[in-house]
């Protein structure tokens, strides 16, 4: 489900934003397979904001947020226009076949669970291919998603969009703006490890020591 949001001061992304997707999802798949919630937030204008209290500057960027939990976006400067895609996909298939096997960061997000929203900021994402995927996703979601063929196509487009975000991702991910999942760095990918450690050092910038950091991560 896609919504265009003008954030002039404060905007709350609600859990109920996924309700329609959840209902369509369970009407289509009767096996009660596990599912994973995510939001793609596409910045259509530049702006400064906080996401659940964490500062983010956006300009033609994409923010991937895990979890259906409420997310508070607060505008800090000029009004910001965002396109928000609230998606639910099956895990591990077909998402696993399309994305997870080659995307350790997405795998880490899924393994972290959905209790707390985490997000990754991808910079300079205004290229044509990603825009086409977002446009196609919006077009599919305007159709009747109780049709299992359309539901399958929607999931595949989500997978393709994730794979495109992760292609050549190291120059585009903003570790300083992202909020990476959990504290378990032992089984996480290298990029997630760097993000988790960076988040810890930012949150404990005044008193972080090597000993305390090692103890926090069980090193």
N, C-alpha and C. Protein backbone atom coordinates (compact mmCIF):
# COMPACT_ATOMS: atom_id res chain seq x y z
N UNK A 1 0.84 -1.19 0.00
CA UNK A 1 0.00 0.00 0.00
C UNK A 1 0.88 1.24 0.00
N UNK A 2 0.61 2.16 -0.91
CA UNK A 2 1.44 3.37 -1.04
C UNK A 2 0.61 4.60 -0.67
N UNK A 3 1.26 5.51 0.05
CA UNK A 3 0.65 6.78 0.41
C UNK A 3 1.67 7.89 0.18
N UNK A 4 1.21 9.03 -0.32
CA UNK A 4 2.06 10.21 -0.44
C UNK A 4 1.80 11.08 0.78
N UNK A 5 2.85 11.43 1.51
CA UNK A 5 2.71 12.17 2.76
C UNK A 5 3.47 13.49 2.67
N UNK A 6 2.80 14.57 3.03
CA UNK A 6 3.45 15.87 3.20
C UNK A 6 3.69 16.06 4.69
N UNK A 7 4.95 15.97 5.10
CA UNK A 7 5.28 16.09 6.52
C UNK A 7 5.65 17.54 6.81
N UNK A 8 4.71 18.28 7.38
CA UNK A 8 4.95 19.68 7.69
C UNK A 8 5.53 19.84 9.09
N UNK A 9 5.11 18.99 10.00
CA UNK A 9 5.65 19.05 11.36
C UNK A 9 5.90 17.64 11.88
N UNK A 10 4.81 16.91 12.19
CA UNK A 10 4.95 15.56 12.73
C UNK A 10 4.00 14.63 11.99
N UNK A 11 4.49 13.45 11.67
CA UNK A 11 3.63 12.45 11.02
C UNK A 11 3.91 11.08 11.64
N UNK A 12 2.84 10.33 11.90
CA UNK A 12 2.96 9.01 12.51
C UNK A 12 2.62 7.94 11.49
N UNK A 13 3.59 7.06 11.20
CA UNK A 13 3.32 5.88 10.39
C UNK A 13 2.73 4.82 11.33
N UNK A 14 1.49 4.43 11.08
CA UNK A 14 0.75 3.60 12.02
C UNK A 14 0.84 2.12 11.67
N UNK A 15 0.63 1.29 12.70
CA UNK A 15 0.55 -0.15 12.47
C UNK A 15 -0.61 -0.49 11.55
N UNK A 16 -1.68 0.29 11.64
CA UNK A 16 -2.87 0.01 10.83
C UNK A 16 -2.62 0.25 9.35
N UNK A 17 -1.51 0.90 8.99
CA UNK A 17 -1.19 1.08 7.57
C UNK A 17 -1.02 -0.26 6.87
N UNK A 18 -0.69 -1.30 7.63
CA UNK A 18 -0.47 -2.63 7.05
C UNK A 18 -1.75 -3.46 7.04
N UNK A 19 -2.84 -2.93 7.61
CA UNK A 19 -4.02 -3.76 7.80
C UNK A 19 -4.58 -4.29 6.48
N UNK A 20 -4.69 -3.40 5.49
CA UNK A 20 -5.23 -3.83 4.20
C UNK A 20 -4.32 -4.87 3.55
N UNK A 21 -3.00 -4.62 3.63
CA UNK A 21 -2.05 -5.58 3.06
C UNK A 21 -2.13 -6.93 3.77
N UNK A 22 -2.26 -6.89 5.10
CA UNK A 22 -2.36 -8.13 5.88
C UNK A 22 -3.60 -8.93 5.49
N UNK A 23 -4.74 -8.23 5.35
CA UNK A 23 -5.98 -8.91 5.00
C UNK A 23 -5.88 -9.55 3.63
N UNK A 24 -5.32 -8.81 2.66
CA UNK A 24 -5.16 -9.36 1.31
C UNK A 24 -4.16 -10.50 1.30
N UNK A 25 -3.13 -10.37 2.11
CA UNK A 25 -2.09 -11.39 2.18
C UNK A 25 -2.67 -12.71 2.67
N UNK A 26 -3.46 -12.67 3.76
CA UNK A 26 -3.97 -13.90 4.34
C UNK A 26 -5.13 -14.48 3.54
N UNK A 27 -5.81 -13.66 2.74
CA UNK A 27 -6.82 -14.19 1.84
C UNK A 27 -6.18 -14.97 0.70
N UNK A 28 -4.98 -14.55 0.34
CA UNK A 28 -4.29 -15.16 -0.79
C UNK A 28 -3.53 -16.42 -0.37
N UNK A 29 -2.87 -16.36 0.80
CA UNK A 29 -2.04 -17.48 1.26
C UNK A 29 -2.68 -18.11 2.49
N UNK A 30 -3.16 -19.32 2.32
CA UNK A 30 -3.89 -19.99 3.39
C UNK A 30 -3.01 -20.87 4.25
N UNK A 31 -1.73 -20.95 3.92
CA UNK A 31 -0.85 -21.84 4.67
C UNK A 31 -0.29 -21.19 5.93
N UNK A 32 -0.69 -19.92 6.18
CA UNK A 32 -0.23 -19.19 7.36
C UNK A 32 1.29 -19.18 7.46
N UNK A 33 1.96 -19.05 6.32
CA UNK A 33 3.41 -18.99 6.32
C UNK A 33 3.87 -17.73 7.03
N UNK A 34 5.11 -17.75 7.51
CA UNK A 34 5.64 -16.59 8.21
C UNK A 34 5.73 -15.40 7.27
N UNK A 35 5.65 -14.22 7.82
CA UNK A 35 5.65 -13.02 7.00
C UNK A 35 6.61 -11.99 7.59
N UNK A 36 6.93 -11.01 6.78
CA UNK A 36 7.84 -9.95 7.19
C UNK A 36 7.32 -8.62 6.69
N UNK A 37 7.26 -7.63 7.61
CA UNK A 37 6.75 -6.31 7.28
C UNK A 37 7.91 -5.35 7.02
N UNK A 38 7.72 -4.46 6.08
CA UNK A 38 8.72 -3.44 5.82
C UNK A 38 8.05 -2.23 5.19
N UNK A 39 8.71 -1.09 5.34
CA UNK A 39 8.29 0.13 4.65
C UNK A 39 9.44 0.63 3.80
N UNK A 40 9.11 1.06 2.59
CA UNK A 40 10.04 1.83 1.78
C UNK A 40 9.58 3.28 1.85
N UNK A 41 10.43 4.16 2.34
CA UNK A 41 10.11 5.59 2.37
C UNK A 41 10.98 6.27 1.32
N UNK A 42 10.33 6.78 0.29
CA UNK A 42 11.04 7.44 -0.81
C UNK A 42 10.91 8.94 -0.64
N UNK A 43 12.02 9.63 -0.48
CA UNK A 43 11.97 11.09 -0.32
C UNK A 43 11.80 11.73 -1.69
N UNK A 44 10.72 12.48 -1.86
CA UNK A 44 10.42 13.14 -3.12
C UNK A 44 10.94 14.57 -3.14
N UNK A 45 11.24 15.10 -1.94
CA UNK A 45 11.88 16.41 -1.81
C UNK A 45 12.97 16.29 -0.75
N UNK A 46 13.87 17.23 -0.70
CA UNK A 46 14.91 17.19 0.32
C UNK A 46 14.36 17.70 1.64
N UNK A 47 14.94 17.25 2.73
CA UNK A 47 14.47 17.70 4.03
C UNK A 47 15.25 17.08 5.18
N UNK A 48 15.14 17.73 6.33
CA UNK A 48 15.74 17.22 7.56
C UNK A 48 14.62 16.72 8.46
N UNK A 49 14.82 15.56 9.05
CA UNK A 49 13.78 14.98 9.89
C UNK A 49 14.42 14.08 10.94
N UNK A 50 13.59 13.64 11.87
CA UNK A 50 13.99 12.57 12.77
C UNK A 50 13.02 11.42 12.57
N UNK A 51 13.54 10.20 12.67
CA UNK A 51 12.73 8.99 12.61
C UNK A 51 12.87 8.30 13.96
N UNK A 52 11.79 8.29 14.72
CA UNK A 52 11.84 7.78 16.09
C UNK A 52 12.98 8.43 16.88
N UNK A 53 13.16 9.75 16.67
CA UNK A 53 14.14 10.52 17.43
C UNK A 53 15.54 10.52 16.85
N UNK A 54 15.77 9.81 15.75
CA UNK A 54 17.11 9.75 15.15
C UNK A 54 17.15 10.63 13.91
N UNK A 55 18.16 11.49 13.85
CA UNK A 55 18.27 12.49 12.77
C UNK A 55 18.56 11.82 11.43
N UNK A 56 17.84 12.29 10.38
CA UNK A 56 18.06 11.81 9.02
C UNK A 56 17.90 13.00 8.08
N UNK A 57 18.84 13.16 7.17
CA UNK A 57 18.70 14.13 6.09
C UNK A 57 18.41 13.38 4.81
N UNK A 58 17.38 13.79 4.07
CA UNK A 58 16.97 13.07 2.87
C UNK A 58 16.98 13.98 1.65
N UNK A 59 17.48 13.42 0.55
CA UNK A 59 17.43 14.09 -0.74
C UNK A 59 17.54 13.01 -1.81
N UNK A 60 16.41 12.69 -2.43
CA UNK A 60 16.37 11.60 -3.42
C UNK A 60 16.88 10.30 -2.82
N UNK A 61 16.51 10.04 -1.59
CA UNK A 61 16.99 8.86 -0.89
C UNK A 61 15.84 7.88 -0.65
N UNK A 62 16.20 6.66 -0.28
CA UNK A 62 15.23 5.65 0.09
C UNK A 62 15.58 5.13 1.48
N UNK A 63 14.57 5.05 2.33
CA UNK A 63 14.76 4.53 3.69
C UNK A 63 13.98 3.23 3.81
N UNK A 64 14.67 2.15 4.13
CA UNK A 64 14.04 0.86 4.34
C UNK A 64 13.82 0.67 5.84
N UNK A 65 12.57 0.56 6.25
CA UNK A 65 12.21 0.42 7.66
C UNK A 65 11.59 -0.95 7.88
N UNK A 66 12.13 -1.72 8.83
CA UNK A 66 11.53 -3.01 9.16
C UNK A 66 10.53 -2.83 10.29
N UNK A 67 9.61 -3.79 10.41
CA UNK A 67 8.62 -3.84 11.48
C UNK A 67 7.36 -3.05 11.12
N UNK A 68 6.19 -3.56 11.54
CA UNK A 68 4.96 -2.81 11.35
C UNK A 68 4.67 -1.83 12.48
N UNK A 69 5.57 -1.75 13.45
CA UNK A 69 5.34 -0.88 14.60
C UNK A 69 5.24 0.59 14.18
N UNK A 70 4.65 1.41 15.05
CA UNK A 70 4.50 2.83 14.78
C UNK A 70 5.87 3.50 14.64
N UNK A 71 5.96 4.40 13.67
CA UNK A 71 7.19 5.15 13.42
C UNK A 71 6.83 6.63 13.39
N UNK A 72 7.49 7.42 14.22
CA UNK A 72 7.22 8.85 14.30
C UNK A 72 8.25 9.61 13.47
N UNK A 73 7.75 10.35 12.48
CA UNK A 73 8.61 11.19 11.65
C UNK A 73 8.34 12.65 12.00
N UNK A 74 9.38 13.34 12.36
CA UNK A 74 9.25 14.75 12.74
C UNK A 74 10.08 15.59 11.78
N UNK A 75 9.44 16.57 11.15
CA UNK A 75 10.13 17.45 10.22
C UNK A 75 10.87 18.53 11.00
N UNK A 76 12.11 18.80 10.59
CA UNK A 76 12.93 19.78 11.30
C UNK A 76 13.15 21.07 10.52
N UNK A 77 12.70 21.09 9.27
CA UNK A 77 12.97 22.27 8.44
C UNK A 77 11.78 22.54 7.54
N UNK A 78 11.99 22.60 6.25
CA UNK A 78 10.90 22.84 5.32
C UNK A 78 10.05 21.58 5.19
N UNK A 79 8.76 21.72 4.82
CA UNK A 79 7.91 20.54 4.62
C UNK A 79 8.55 19.54 3.67
N UNK A 80 8.41 18.28 4.00
CA UNK A 80 9.02 17.20 3.24
C UNK A 80 7.94 16.31 2.66
N UNK A 81 8.08 15.97 1.37
CA UNK A 81 7.12 15.08 0.73
C UNK A 81 7.74 13.69 0.61
N UNK A 82 7.00 12.70 1.10
CA UNK A 82 7.48 11.32 1.11
C UNK A 82 6.45 10.40 0.47
N UNK A 83 6.94 9.39 -0.21
CA UNK A 83 6.09 8.29 -0.67
C UNK A 83 6.38 7.09 0.23
N UNK A 84 5.36 6.58 0.90
CA UNK A 84 5.54 5.49 1.87
C UNK A 84 4.85 4.23 1.34
N UNK A 85 5.64 3.18 1.17
CA UNK A 85 5.12 1.89 0.71
C UNK A 85 5.14 0.94 1.90
N UNK A 86 3.97 0.51 2.35
CA UNK A 86 3.86 -0.43 3.46
C UNK A 86 3.66 -1.82 2.88
N UNK A 87 4.65 -2.70 3.06
CA UNK A 87 4.65 -3.98 2.37
C UNK A 87 4.74 -5.14 3.35
N UNK A 88 4.12 -6.24 2.97
CA UNK A 88 4.24 -7.48 3.72
C UNK A 88 4.61 -8.57 2.72
N UNK A 89 5.62 -9.35 3.05
CA UNK A 89 6.09 -10.40 2.16
C UNK A 89 6.23 -11.70 2.93
N UNK A 90 6.17 -12.79 2.19
CA UNK A 90 6.39 -14.09 2.82
C UNK A 90 7.87 -14.31 3.07
N UNK A 91 8.16 -15.00 4.13
CA UNK A 91 9.54 -15.38 4.41
C UNK A 91 9.55 -16.87 4.76
N UNK A 92 10.47 -17.63 4.25
CA UNK A 92 11.61 -17.20 3.45
C UNK A 92 11.38 -17.19 1.95
N UNK A 93 10.22 -17.67 1.48
CA UNK A 93 10.01 -17.79 0.04
C UNK A 93 8.80 -16.97 -0.35
N UNK A 94 8.83 -16.24 -1.50
CA UNK A 94 9.87 -16.21 -2.52
C UNK A 94 10.96 -15.17 -2.24
N UNK A 95 10.76 -14.37 -1.20
CA UNK A 95 11.75 -13.32 -0.91
C UNK A 95 13.14 -13.93 -0.76
N UNK A 96 13.21 -15.07 -0.10
CA UNK A 96 14.51 -15.69 0.13
C UNK A 96 15.19 -16.04 -1.20
N UNK A 97 14.41 -16.52 -2.16
CA UNK A 97 14.98 -16.92 -3.44
C UNK A 97 15.47 -15.72 -4.23
N UNK A 98 14.78 -14.60 -4.09
CA UNK A 98 15.11 -13.42 -4.89
C UNK A 98 16.18 -12.57 -4.22
N UNK A 99 16.11 -12.44 -2.90
CA UNK A 99 16.90 -11.43 -2.22
C UNK A 99 17.83 -11.96 -1.15
N UNK A 100 17.29 -12.69 -0.19
CA UNK A 100 18.01 -12.93 1.06
C UNK A 100 19.32 -13.67 0.85
N UNK A 101 19.34 -14.61 -0.09
CA UNK A 101 20.56 -15.37 -0.29
C UNK A 101 21.76 -14.52 -0.61
N UNK A 102 21.55 -13.40 -1.30
CA UNK A 102 22.65 -12.53 -1.70
C UNK A 102 22.63 -11.19 -0.97
N UNK A 103 21.77 -11.05 -0.01
CA UNK A 103 21.62 -9.78 0.69
C UNK A 103 21.72 -9.99 2.19
N UNK A 104 22.92 -10.05 2.74
CA UNK A 104 23.06 -10.30 4.18
C UNK A 104 22.40 -9.22 5.03
N UNK A 105 22.33 -7.97 4.55
CA UNK A 105 21.73 -6.90 5.36
C UNK A 105 20.23 -7.12 5.53
N UNK A 106 19.55 -7.55 4.44
CA UNK A 106 18.13 -7.85 4.53
C UNK A 106 17.92 -9.07 5.43
N UNK A 107 18.79 -10.05 5.30
CA UNK A 107 18.74 -11.23 6.16
C UNK A 107 18.88 -10.82 7.63
N UNK A 108 19.80 -9.90 7.92
CA UNK A 108 19.99 -9.43 9.29
C UNK A 108 18.75 -8.71 9.81
N UNK A 109 18.12 -7.91 8.97
CA UNK A 109 16.90 -7.22 9.38
C UNK A 109 15.80 -8.22 9.73
N UNK A 110 15.64 -9.24 8.91
CA UNK A 110 14.60 -10.23 9.14
C UNK A 110 14.88 -11.02 10.41
N UNK A 111 16.14 -11.38 10.64
CA UNK A 111 16.50 -12.15 11.84
C UNK A 111 16.35 -11.34 13.12
N UNK A 112 16.44 -10.01 13.01
CA UNK A 112 16.32 -9.17 14.20
C UNK A 112 14.90 -9.11 14.73
N UNK A 113 13.93 -9.57 13.93
CA UNK A 113 12.54 -9.55 14.37
C UNK A 113 11.90 -8.20 14.13
N UNK A 114 10.64 -8.08 14.57
CA UNK A 114 9.85 -6.89 14.27
C UNK A 114 9.43 -6.12 15.51
N UNK A 115 10.06 -6.40 16.64
CA UNK A 115 9.65 -5.73 17.88
C UNK A 115 10.00 -4.25 17.87
N UNK A 116 11.08 -3.88 17.22
CA UNK A 116 11.51 -2.48 17.19
C UNK A 116 11.87 -2.10 15.77
N UNK A 117 11.31 -0.98 15.27
CA UNK A 117 11.63 -0.57 13.90
C UNK A 117 13.10 -0.21 13.75
N UNK A 118 13.72 -0.76 12.75
CA UNK A 118 15.10 -0.43 12.37
C UNK A 118 15.07 0.10 10.95
N UNK A 119 16.06 0.87 10.57
CA UNK A 119 16.01 1.39 9.21
C UNK A 119 17.41 1.58 8.63
N UNK A 120 17.46 1.50 7.31
CA UNK A 120 18.69 1.70 6.55
C UNK A 120 18.44 2.80 5.52
N UNK A 121 19.33 3.77 5.45
CA UNK A 121 19.20 4.89 4.54
C UNK A 121 20.11 4.67 3.33
N UNK A 122 19.50 4.65 2.16
CA UNK A 122 20.25 4.51 0.90
C UNK A 122 20.28 5.86 0.20
N UNK A 123 21.47 6.38 -0.03
CA UNK A 123 21.66 7.70 -0.61
C UNK A 123 21.59 7.69 -2.14
N UNK A 124 21.20 8.88 -2.68
CA UNK A 124 21.26 9.13 -4.13
C UNK A 124 20.57 8.04 -4.93
N UNK A 125 19.31 7.82 -4.58
CA UNK A 125 18.57 6.72 -5.20
C UNK A 125 17.58 7.20 -6.26
N UNK A 126 17.92 8.29 -6.95
CA UNK A 126 17.00 8.86 -7.92
C UNK A 126 17.15 8.31 -9.32
N UNK A 127 17.83 7.17 -9.49
CA UNK A 127 18.03 6.67 -10.84
C UNK A 127 16.77 6.04 -11.40
N UNK A 128 16.76 5.84 -12.70
CA UNK A 128 15.55 5.44 -13.41
C UNK A 128 15.03 4.08 -13.00
N UNK A 129 15.91 3.09 -12.83
CA UNK A 129 15.47 1.73 -12.55
C UNK A 129 14.69 1.64 -11.25
N UNK A 130 15.19 2.26 -10.19
CA UNK A 130 14.48 2.21 -8.91
C UNK A 130 13.13 2.92 -9.02
N UNK A 131 13.10 4.06 -9.71
CA UNK A 131 11.84 4.78 -9.89
C UNK A 131 10.83 3.93 -10.63
N UNK A 132 11.29 3.17 -11.64
CA UNK A 132 10.39 2.28 -12.37
C UNK A 132 9.83 1.19 -11.46
N UNK A 133 10.67 0.65 -10.58
CA UNK A 133 10.19 -0.37 -9.65
C UNK A 133 9.13 0.20 -8.70
N UNK A 134 9.37 1.40 -8.19
CA UNK A 134 8.39 2.03 -7.30
C UNK A 134 7.08 2.30 -8.06
N UNK A 135 7.18 2.79 -9.27
CA UNK A 135 5.98 3.06 -10.07
C UNK A 135 5.22 1.78 -10.37
N UNK A 136 5.94 0.71 -10.69
CA UNK A 136 5.30 -0.57 -10.96
C UNK A 136 4.63 -1.12 -9.71
N UNK A 137 5.30 -0.98 -8.56
CA UNK A 137 4.72 -1.45 -7.30
C UNK A 137 3.43 -0.70 -6.99
N UNK A 138 3.44 0.62 -7.18
CA UNK A 138 2.23 1.42 -6.95
C UNK A 138 1.11 1.00 -7.90
N UNK A 139 1.46 0.71 -9.14
CA UNK A 139 0.46 0.30 -10.13
C UNK A 139 -0.15 -1.05 -9.76
N UNK A 140 0.68 -2.00 -9.37
CA UNK A 140 0.17 -3.31 -8.98
C UNK A 140 -0.74 -3.19 -7.77
N UNK A 141 -0.38 -2.34 -6.80
CA UNK A 141 -1.16 -2.24 -5.57
C UNK A 141 -2.46 -1.48 -5.77
N UNK A 142 -2.64 -0.87 -6.92
CA UNK A 142 -3.93 -0.25 -7.23
C UNK A 142 -4.92 -1.28 -7.78
N UNK A 143 -4.44 -2.51 -8.01
CA UNK A 143 -5.27 -3.59 -8.54
C UNK A 143 -5.86 -4.40 -7.37
N UNK A 144 -6.60 -5.44 -7.73
CA UNK A 144 -7.21 -6.33 -6.75
C UNK A 144 -6.20 -7.37 -6.31
N UNK A 145 -5.60 -7.17 -5.14
CA UNK A 145 -4.54 -8.07 -4.69
C UNK A 145 -5.06 -9.37 -4.10
N UNK A 146 -6.38 -9.59 -4.15
CA UNK A 146 -6.88 -10.91 -3.78
C UNK A 146 -6.59 -11.91 -4.91
N UNK A 147 -6.20 -11.38 -6.08
CA UNK A 147 -5.75 -12.20 -7.19
C UNK A 147 -4.36 -12.73 -6.85
N UNK A 148 -4.20 -14.06 -6.71
CA UNK A 148 -2.89 -14.60 -6.29
C UNK A 148 -1.77 -14.29 -7.28
N UNK A 149 -2.10 -14.13 -8.55
CA UNK A 149 -1.07 -13.80 -9.53
C UNK A 149 -0.52 -12.40 -9.29
N UNK A 150 -1.42 -11.44 -9.01
CA UNK A 150 -0.98 -10.08 -8.73
C UNK A 150 -0.22 -10.01 -7.41
N UNK A 151 -0.69 -10.78 -6.42
CA UNK A 151 0.01 -10.80 -5.14
C UNK A 151 1.43 -11.33 -5.31
N UNK A 152 1.57 -12.38 -6.11
CA UNK A 152 2.89 -12.93 -6.39
C UNK A 152 3.77 -11.90 -7.11
N UNK A 153 3.20 -11.20 -8.10
CA UNK A 153 3.97 -10.19 -8.82
C UNK A 153 4.39 -9.05 -7.90
N UNK A 154 3.51 -8.67 -6.96
CA UNK A 154 3.85 -7.61 -6.01
C UNK A 154 5.07 -8.02 -5.18
N UNK A 155 5.06 -9.25 -4.68
CA UNK A 155 6.19 -9.70 -3.87
C UNK A 155 7.48 -9.75 -4.68
N UNK A 156 7.36 -10.15 -5.94
CA UNK A 156 8.55 -10.23 -6.77
C UNK A 156 9.12 -8.84 -7.05
N UNK A 157 8.25 -7.86 -7.24
CA UNK A 157 8.72 -6.48 -7.46
C UNK A 157 9.39 -5.96 -6.20
N UNK A 158 8.82 -6.27 -5.02
CA UNK A 158 9.47 -5.89 -3.76
C UNK A 158 10.87 -6.51 -3.70
N UNK A 159 10.98 -7.78 -4.07
CA UNK A 159 12.27 -8.44 -4.06
C UNK A 159 13.25 -7.79 -5.03
N UNK A 160 12.78 -7.45 -6.23
CA UNK A 160 13.63 -6.80 -7.22
C UNK A 160 14.07 -5.42 -6.73
N UNK A 161 13.16 -4.70 -6.07
CA UNK A 161 13.51 -3.39 -5.53
C UNK A 161 14.58 -3.52 -4.46
N UNK A 162 14.44 -4.51 -3.58
CA UNK A 162 15.45 -4.74 -2.55
C UNK A 162 16.79 -5.10 -3.17
N UNK A 163 16.76 -5.96 -4.18
CA UNK A 163 18.01 -6.36 -4.80
C UNK A 163 18.68 -5.18 -5.50
N UNK A 164 17.89 -4.27 -6.06
CA UNK A 164 18.47 -3.09 -6.71
C UNK A 164 19.05 -2.12 -5.68
N UNK A 165 18.39 -1.98 -4.53
CA UNK A 165 18.92 -1.14 -3.46
C UNK A 165 20.25 -1.68 -2.95
N UNK A 166 20.37 -3.00 -2.93
CA UNK A 166 21.59 -3.62 -2.39
C UNK A 166 22.70 -3.73 -3.44
N UNK A 167 22.37 -3.51 -4.70
CA UNK A 167 23.41 -3.57 -5.74
C UNK A 167 24.34 -2.36 -5.60
N UNK A 168 25.62 -2.64 -5.48
CA UNK A 168 26.62 -1.58 -5.26
C UNK A 168 26.24 -0.71 -4.06
N UNK A 169 25.82 -1.37 -2.98
CA UNK A 169 25.24 -0.63 -1.86
C UNK A 169 26.27 0.07 -0.98
N UNK A 170 27.49 -0.39 -0.95
CA UNK A 170 28.45 0.18 0.00
C UNK A 170 28.71 1.66 -0.20
N UNK A 171 28.76 2.18 -1.45
CA UNK A 171 28.95 3.62 -1.60
C UNK A 171 27.70 4.43 -1.29
N UNK A 172 26.53 3.77 -1.20
CA UNK A 172 25.28 4.53 -1.06
C UNK A 172 24.66 4.46 0.33
N UNK A 173 24.98 3.44 1.12
CA UNK A 173 24.39 3.35 2.46
C UNK A 173 25.00 4.40 3.37
N UNK A 174 24.14 5.13 4.07
CA UNK A 174 24.60 6.09 5.06
C UNK A 174 24.56 5.44 6.44
N UNK A 175 25.71 4.95 6.88
CA UNK A 175 25.77 4.28 8.19
C UNK A 175 25.44 5.26 9.31
N UNK A 176 25.86 6.52 9.14
CA UNK A 176 25.65 7.50 10.21
C UNK A 176 24.17 7.83 10.40
N UNK A 177 23.34 7.67 9.37
CA UNK A 177 21.92 7.98 9.48
C UNK A 177 21.07 6.75 9.74
N UNK A 178 21.59 5.57 9.47
CA UNK A 178 20.81 4.35 9.60
C UNK A 178 20.75 3.89 11.05
N UNK A 179 19.75 3.06 11.35
CA UNK A 179 19.59 2.48 12.68
C UNK A 179 19.55 0.97 12.49
N UNK A 180 20.68 0.32 12.76
CA UNK A 180 20.85 -1.08 12.43
C UNK A 180 20.28 -1.98 13.52
N UNK A 181 19.98 -3.24 13.16
CA UNK A 181 19.26 -4.11 14.09
C UNK A 181 20.14 -4.72 15.17
N UNK A 182 19.61 -4.73 16.39
CA UNK A 182 20.14 -5.55 17.46
C UNK A 182 21.54 -5.24 17.94
N UNK A 183 22.12 -6.21 18.66
CA UNK A 183 23.47 -6.09 19.20
C UNK A 183 24.31 -7.33 18.92
N UNK A 184 23.72 -8.30 18.22
CA UNK A 184 24.44 -9.53 17.93
C UNK A 184 25.28 -9.34 16.67
N UNK A 185 26.55 -9.02 16.86
CA UNK A 185 27.43 -8.78 15.71
C UNK A 185 28.15 -10.05 15.27
N UNK A 186 27.97 -11.13 16.03
CA UNK A 186 28.72 -12.35 15.74
C UNK A 186 28.20 -13.06 14.48
N UNK A 187 26.89 -12.94 14.23
CA UNK A 187 26.30 -13.64 13.10
C UNK A 187 25.81 -12.67 12.02
N UNK A 188 26.13 -11.40 12.16
CA UNK A 188 25.69 -10.40 11.20
C UNK A 188 26.71 -10.23 10.08
N UNK A 189 26.25 -9.68 8.95
CA UNK A 189 27.15 -9.37 7.86
C UNK A 189 28.06 -8.21 8.22
N UNK A 190 29.10 -8.00 7.43
CA UNK A 190 30.10 -6.97 7.74
C UNK A 190 29.49 -5.57 7.77
N UNK A 191 28.60 -5.28 6.83
CA UNK A 191 27.99 -3.96 6.79
C UNK A 191 27.11 -3.72 8.02
N UNK A 192 26.33 -4.74 8.40
CA UNK A 192 25.50 -4.62 9.59
C UNK A 192 26.36 -4.48 10.84
N UNK A 193 27.44 -5.24 10.91
CA UNK A 193 28.35 -5.12 12.06
C UNK A 193 28.86 -3.69 12.21
N UNK A 194 29.30 -3.10 11.10
CA UNK A 194 29.81 -1.72 11.15
C UNK A 194 28.71 -0.77 11.61
N UNK A 195 27.49 -0.97 11.12
CA UNK A 195 26.38 -0.10 11.50
C UNK A 195 26.00 -0.23 12.97
N UNK A 196 25.95 -1.46 13.48
CA UNK A 196 25.61 -1.68 14.88
C UNK A 196 26.64 -1.02 15.80
N UNK A 197 27.91 -1.22 15.49
CA UNK A 197 28.97 -0.63 16.32
C UNK A 197 28.92 0.89 16.25
N UNK A 198 28.67 1.43 15.05
CA UNK A 198 28.59 2.88 14.90
C UNK A 198 27.42 3.43 15.72
N UNK A 199 26.27 2.77 15.67
CA UNK A 199 25.12 3.21 16.45
C UNK A 199 25.45 3.24 17.94
N UNK A 200 26.13 2.20 18.42
CA UNK A 200 26.50 2.15 19.83
C UNK A 200 27.41 3.31 20.20
N UNK A 201 28.41 3.58 19.38
CA UNK A 201 29.36 4.64 19.69
C UNK A 201 28.68 6.01 19.67
N UNK A 202 27.72 6.21 18.77
CA UNK A 202 26.98 7.48 18.75
C UNK A 202 26.14 7.62 20.01
N UNK A 203 25.46 6.53 20.40
CA UNK A 203 24.60 6.58 21.59
C UNK A 203 25.40 6.71 22.88
N UNK A 204 26.67 6.32 22.86
CA UNK A 204 27.51 6.37 24.06
C UNK A 204 28.75 7.23 23.83
N UNK A 205 28.58 8.27 23.03
CA UNK A 205 29.73 9.07 22.61
C UNK A 205 30.46 9.74 23.77
N UNK A 206 29.77 10.02 24.84
CA UNK A 206 30.40 10.73 25.96
C UNK A 206 31.20 9.81 26.88
N UNK A 207 30.82 8.54 26.92
CA UNK A 207 31.49 7.69 27.90
C UNK A 207 31.92 6.33 27.39
N UNK A 208 31.93 6.14 26.05
CA UNK A 208 32.28 4.83 25.51
C UNK A 208 33.74 4.51 25.77
N UNK A 209 34.01 3.32 26.26
CA UNK A 209 35.37 2.84 26.44
C UNK A 209 35.51 1.52 25.70
N UNK A 210 36.74 1.12 25.42
CA UNK A 210 36.98 -0.13 24.72
C UNK A 210 36.45 -1.31 25.53
N UNK A 211 36.65 -1.27 26.84
CA UNK A 211 36.20 -2.35 27.71
C UNK A 211 34.67 -2.46 27.73
N UNK A 212 33.98 -1.32 27.88
CA UNK A 212 32.52 -1.32 27.91
C UNK A 212 31.94 -1.75 26.57
N UNK A 213 32.55 -1.30 25.48
CA UNK A 213 32.08 -1.67 24.15
C UNK A 213 32.22 -3.17 23.92
N UNK A 214 33.37 -3.72 24.32
CA UNK A 214 33.61 -5.15 24.16
C UNK A 214 32.62 -5.95 25.01
N UNK A 215 32.35 -5.48 26.23
CA UNK A 215 31.40 -6.17 27.10
C UNK A 215 29.99 -6.14 26.52
N UNK A 216 29.60 -5.00 25.93
CA UNK A 216 28.26 -4.86 25.37
C UNK A 216 28.06 -5.84 24.23
N UNK A 217 29.07 -6.05 23.42
CA UNK A 217 28.96 -6.94 22.27
C UNK A 217 29.50 -8.33 22.56
N UNK A 218 29.80 -8.64 23.81
CA UNK A 218 30.29 -9.96 24.23
C UNK A 218 31.55 -10.35 23.44
N UNK A 219 32.46 -9.40 23.30
CA UNK A 219 33.71 -9.69 22.57
C UNK A 219 34.76 -10.26 23.52
